[in-house]
Amino acid sequence: MPPSGSAQILIIAKEPVAGRVKTRLTPPFTPAEAAALAEAALRDSLRAVSATPATQRLLALDGLPGGWLPAGFAVIPQRGASLDERLAAAFSDAHRLRPDPVVLIGMDTPQVTPALLGEAVAALEGHDAVYGPAADGGFWLLGLRRPDPALVLGVPMSHPETGKLQLDRLDRAGLAVHLLPELTDVDTAADAATVAAHAPHTHFAATLRELDR
């Protein structure tokens, strides 16, 4: 099915290489096992995006694409040092390629569904921004009708109040924000178990079950 919808969807991710991804899963998992879980989460995220109507689907990647990447995605390199810089650059690069609203997610929520992503895309028709809070105090989705690096740059990332500070930035800019349900990011082994239990039919849950055998 060709892309449609009213916004583009962008995943920002790392190549799932042992020792470079999901390092907070070790222990109890080995670096190779953590990378397998990261790849599974990325596959689930890509699958959800593939099934969601969008004007364009992009992957802002730190590393090289592999066999886990389905057809239909444009791949752009990540730019910037800190995470806020990489997010701002990803928004800017996507919007430069196609001047449509942008919905951005990471690779840490394999339980994400096309229904949730579709709600985010639709919300940008009547709102300036859409925001999905994460259980750890961050956010799992950020959508902007008119991407502006100033809306992201300087927001402290990987901080207990990252989400609050990002939402405050949107509010101070006078944006009308649509809120999505809270999801759990997979950072720790406890997070992995929670997410797999919530979404047992995902690649992620199957991989976790195999590792736990």
Protein backbone atom coordinates (compact mmCIF):
# COMPACT_ATOMS: atom_id res chain seq x y z
CA MET A 1 0.00 0.00 0.00
CA PRO A 2 1.54 3.39 -0.92
CA PRO A 3 2.10 5.89 1.88
CA SER A 4 -0.79 8.20 2.62
CA GLY A 5 -1.97 10.19 5.61
CA SER A 6 -1.24 13.76 6.59
CA ALA A 7 2.15 13.48 8.33
CA GLN A 8 5.43 11.65 8.00
CA ILE A 9 6.68 9.23 10.64
CA LEU A 10 10.30 9.15 11.72
CA ILE A 11 12.08 6.55 13.88
CA ILE A 12 15.35 7.55 15.52
CA ALA A 13 17.44 4.49 16.31
CA LYS A 14 20.85 2.93 16.78
CA GLU A 15 22.10 -0.01 14.77
CA PRO A 16 21.60 -2.99 17.12
CA VAL A 17 25.25 -3.85 17.73
CA ALA A 18 26.36 -5.69 20.88
CA GLY A 19 27.90 -3.32 23.40
CA ARG A 20 26.40 -0.21 21.77
CA VAL A 21 22.67 -0.66 22.47
CA LYS A 22 20.56 -1.39 25.53
CA THR A 23 23.59 -1.41 27.83
CA ARG A 24 21.33 -1.05 30.88
CA LEU A 25 20.06 -4.56 30.17
CA THR A 26 23.51 -5.94 31.04
CA PRO A 27 23.34 -7.61 33.46
CA PRO A 28 21.31 -9.80 33.55
CA PHE A 29 21.60 -10.11 29.77
CA THR A 30 24.87 -10.35 27.85
CA PRO A 31 25.70 -7.58 25.36
CA ALA A 32 24.74 -9.92 22.49
CA GLU A 33 21.41 -10.72 24.13
CA ALA A 34 20.75 -7.03 24.77
CA ALA A 35 21.46 -6.33 21.09
CA ALA A 36 19.03 -9.11 20.09
CA LEU A 37 16.34 -7.48 22.23
CA ALA A 38 17.15 -4.08 20.70
CA GLU A 39 16.84 -5.51 17.18
CA ALA A 40 13.52 -7.12 18.06
CA ALA A 41 12.20 -3.84 19.48
CA LEU A 42 13.35 -2.02 16.36
CA ARG A 43 11.65 -4.59 14.12
CA ASP A 44 8.37 -4.13 16.02
CA SER A 45 8.64 -0.34 15.81
CA LEU A 46 9.35 -0.45 12.08
CA ARG A 47 6.46 -2.85 11.52
CA ALA A 48 4.04 -0.52 13.34
CA VAL A 49 5.21 2.45 11.28
CA SER A 50 4.92 0.42 8.05
CA ALA A 51 1.28 -0.32 8.88
CA THR A 52 0.41 3.33 9.61
CA PRO A 53 -0.69 5.67 6.80
CA ALA A 54 1.98 8.37 6.38
CA THR A 55 3.24 10.71 3.69
CA GLN A 56 6.79 9.42 4.23
CA ARG A 57 8.53 6.90 6.51
CA LEU A 58 12.06 7.61 7.66
CA LEU A 59 14.74 6.07 9.85
CA ALA A 60 17.29 8.44 11.40
CA LEU A 61 20.02 5.90 12.04
CA ASP A 62 23.22 5.88 14.06
CA GLY A 63 25.07 3.10 12.23
CA LEU A 64 24.25 1.03 9.17
CA PRO A 65 20.95 -0.53 8.08
CA GLY A 66 20.65 -4.31 8.18
CA GLY A 67 18.29 -7.08 7.21
CA TRP A 68 15.85 -5.88 9.87
CA LEU A 69 14.92 -2.81 7.76
CA PRO A 70 11.75 -3.32 5.69
CA ALA A 71 11.09 -1.70 2.34
CA GLY A 72 9.50 1.71 2.20
CA PHE A 73 11.82 3.64 4.53
CA ALA A 74 14.19 6.46 3.64
CA VAL A 75 17.32 6.27 5.80
CA ILE A 76 19.02 9.45 6.97
CA PRO A 77 22.10 9.68 9.22
CA GLN A 78 21.82 11.10 12.69
CA ARG A 79 23.58 14.43 13.23
CA GLY A 80 24.68 16.05 16.48
CA ALA A 81 26.43 15.03 19.68
CA SER A 82 23.80 15.13 22.43
CA LEU A 83 20.37 13.52 22.12
CA ASP A 84 18.55 16.87 21.96
CA GLU A 85 20.79 17.86 19.04
CA ARG A 86 20.12 14.57 17.25
CA LEU A 87 16.36 14.91 17.74
CA ALA A 88 16.37 18.50 16.49
CA ALA A 89 18.46 17.53 13.45
CA ALA A 90 16.20 14.56 12.66
CA PHE A 91 13.12 16.79 12.72
CA SER A 92 14.86 19.37 10.52
CA ASP A 93 16.21 16.83 8.02
CA ALA A 94 12.85 15.08 7.67
CA HIS A 95 11.04 18.38 7.17
CA ARG A 96 13.63 19.48 4.62
CA LEU A 97 13.06 16.30 2.61
CA ARG A 98 9.29 16.71 2.75
CA PRO A 99 7.62 19.79 4.30
CA ASP A 100 4.90 17.83 6.11
CA PRO A 101 4.26 17.51 9.85
CA VAL A 102 6.60 15.02 11.54
CA VAL A 103 5.82 12.34 14.12
CA LEU A 104 8.98 11.02 15.81
CA ILE A 105 9.40 7.89 17.92
CA GLY A 106 12.38 5.94 19.21
CA MET A 107 13.13 2.21 19.13
CA ASP A 108 12.35 1.58 22.81
CA THR A 109 8.58 0.97 22.65
CA PRO A 110 8.00 -2.30 20.75
CA GLN A 111 4.42 -2.32 22.07
CA VAL A 112 3.53 0.71 19.92
CA THR A 113 0.62 0.08 17.58
CA PRO A 114 -0.53 1.51 14.24
CA ALA A 115 -3.62 2.77 16.08
CA LEU A 116 -1.51 4.90 18.43
CA LEU A 117 0.64 6.18 15.59
CA GLY A 118 -2.46 6.89 13.52
CA GLU A 119 -3.89 8.90 16.40
CA ALA A 120 -0.67 10.94 16.50
CA VAL A 121 -0.78 11.60 12.76
CA ALA A 122 -4.45 12.60 12.88
CA ALA A 123 -3.89 14.84 15.92
CA LEU A 124 -1.50 17.04 13.97
CA GLU A 125 -4.36 18.06 11.67
CA GLY A 126 -5.92 20.00 14.55
CA HIS A 127 -3.04 20.52 16.98
CA ASP A 128 0.44 22.03 16.79
CA ALA A 129 2.06 19.12 18.60
CA VAL A 130 1.37 15.63 19.88
CA TYR A 131 3.14 14.17 22.89
CA GLY A 132 3.42 10.65 24.29
CA PRO A 133 4.71 10.46 27.88
CA ALA A 134 6.92 7.59 29.02
CA ALA A 135 6.66 5.90 32.40
CA ASP A 136 10.26 6.79 33.27
CA GLY A 137 9.59 10.53 33.05
CA GLY A 138 10.65 10.94 29.44
CA PHE A 139 8.59 10.71 26.27
CA TRP A 140 8.12 8.00 23.67
CA LEU A 141 6.62 10.15 20.90
CA LEU A 142 6.85 13.77 19.83
CA GLY A 143 5.01 15.14 16.83
CA LEU A 144 5.28 18.66 15.46
CA ARG A 145 3.13 20.23 12.77
CA ARG A 146 5.86 22.79 12.05
CA PRO A 147 9.18 21.31 13.22
CA ASP A 148 11.45 23.91 14.83
CA PRO A 149 14.82 22.93 16.40
CA ALA A 150 14.22 25.51 19.15
CA LEU A 151 11.38 23.35 20.48
CA VAL A 152 13.85 20.56 21.35
CA LEU A 153 17.36 21.99 21.63
CA GLY A 154 18.50 22.47 25.22
CA VAL A 155 15.92 20.17 26.80
CA PRO A 156 17.88 17.87 29.17
CA MET A 157 17.53 14.28 27.97
CA SER A 158 17.76 11.03 29.98
CA HIS A 159 16.67 13.00 33.05
CA PRO A 160 13.80 12.17 35.45
CA GLU A 161 12.01 15.35 34.35
CA THR A 162 12.82 15.24 30.63
CA GLY A 163 9.16 14.82 29.71
CA LYS A 164 7.96 17.63 31.97
CA LEU A 165 10.65 19.96 30.64
CA GLN A 166 9.83 19.09 27.02
CA LEU A 167 6.12 19.60 27.60
CA ASP A 168 6.85 22.93 29.30
CA ARG A 169 8.83 23.98 26.22
CA LEU A 170 5.86 23.23 23.99
CA ASP A 171 3.49 25.06 26.33
CA ARG A 172 5.72 28.14 26.52
CA ALA A 173 5.78 28.25 22.72
CA GLY A 174 1.98 28.53 22.84
CA LEU A 175 1.40 25.24 21.04
CA ALA A 176 -1.85 23.29 21.25
CA VAL A 177 -0.72 19.81 22.36
CA HIS A 178 -2.59 16.51 22.01
CA LEU A 179 -1.60 13.97 24.68
CA LEU A 180 -1.27 10.24 23.98
CA PRO A 181 -1.35 7.40 26.53
CA GLU A 182 1.75 6.70 28.63
CA LEU A 183 3.97 3.83 27.48
CA THR A 184 6.93 2.08 29.11
CA ASP A 185 10.34 2.48 27.43
CA VAL A 186 12.51 -0.62 27.54
CA ASP A 187 15.62 0.38 29.47
CA THR A 188 15.97 -2.28 32.18
CA ALA A 189 15.20 -5.98 32.51
CA ALA A 190 12.12 -5.10 34.58
CA ASP A 191 10.93 -2.80 31.77
CA ALA A 192 11.49 -5.61 29.27
CA ALA A 193 9.33 -7.99 31.28
CA THR A 194 6.57 -5.38 31.66
CA VAL A 195 6.47 -4.55 27.95
CA ALA A 196 6.60 -8.19 26.84
CA ALA A 197 3.69 -9.04 29.14
CA HIS A 198 1.68 -6.13 27.72
CA ALA A 199 2.46 -7.05 24.09
CA PRO A 200 3.02 -10.83 24.03
CA HIS A 201 2.67 -11.18 20.24
CA THR A 202 5.59 -8.88 19.37
CA HIS A 203 9.03 -9.88 18.09
CA PHE A 204 10.32 -8.39 21.32
CA ALA A 205 8.24 -10.64 23.57
CA ALA A 206 9.18 -13.73 21.53
CA THR A 207 12.87 -12.86 21.77
CA LEU A 208 12.64 -12.29 25.52
CA ARG A 209 10.88 -15.63 25.99
CA GLU A 210 13.61 -17.37 24.02
CA LEU A 211 16.35 -15.74 26.10
CA ASP A 212 14.57 -16.61 29.33
CA ARG A 213 14.32 -20.33 28.46
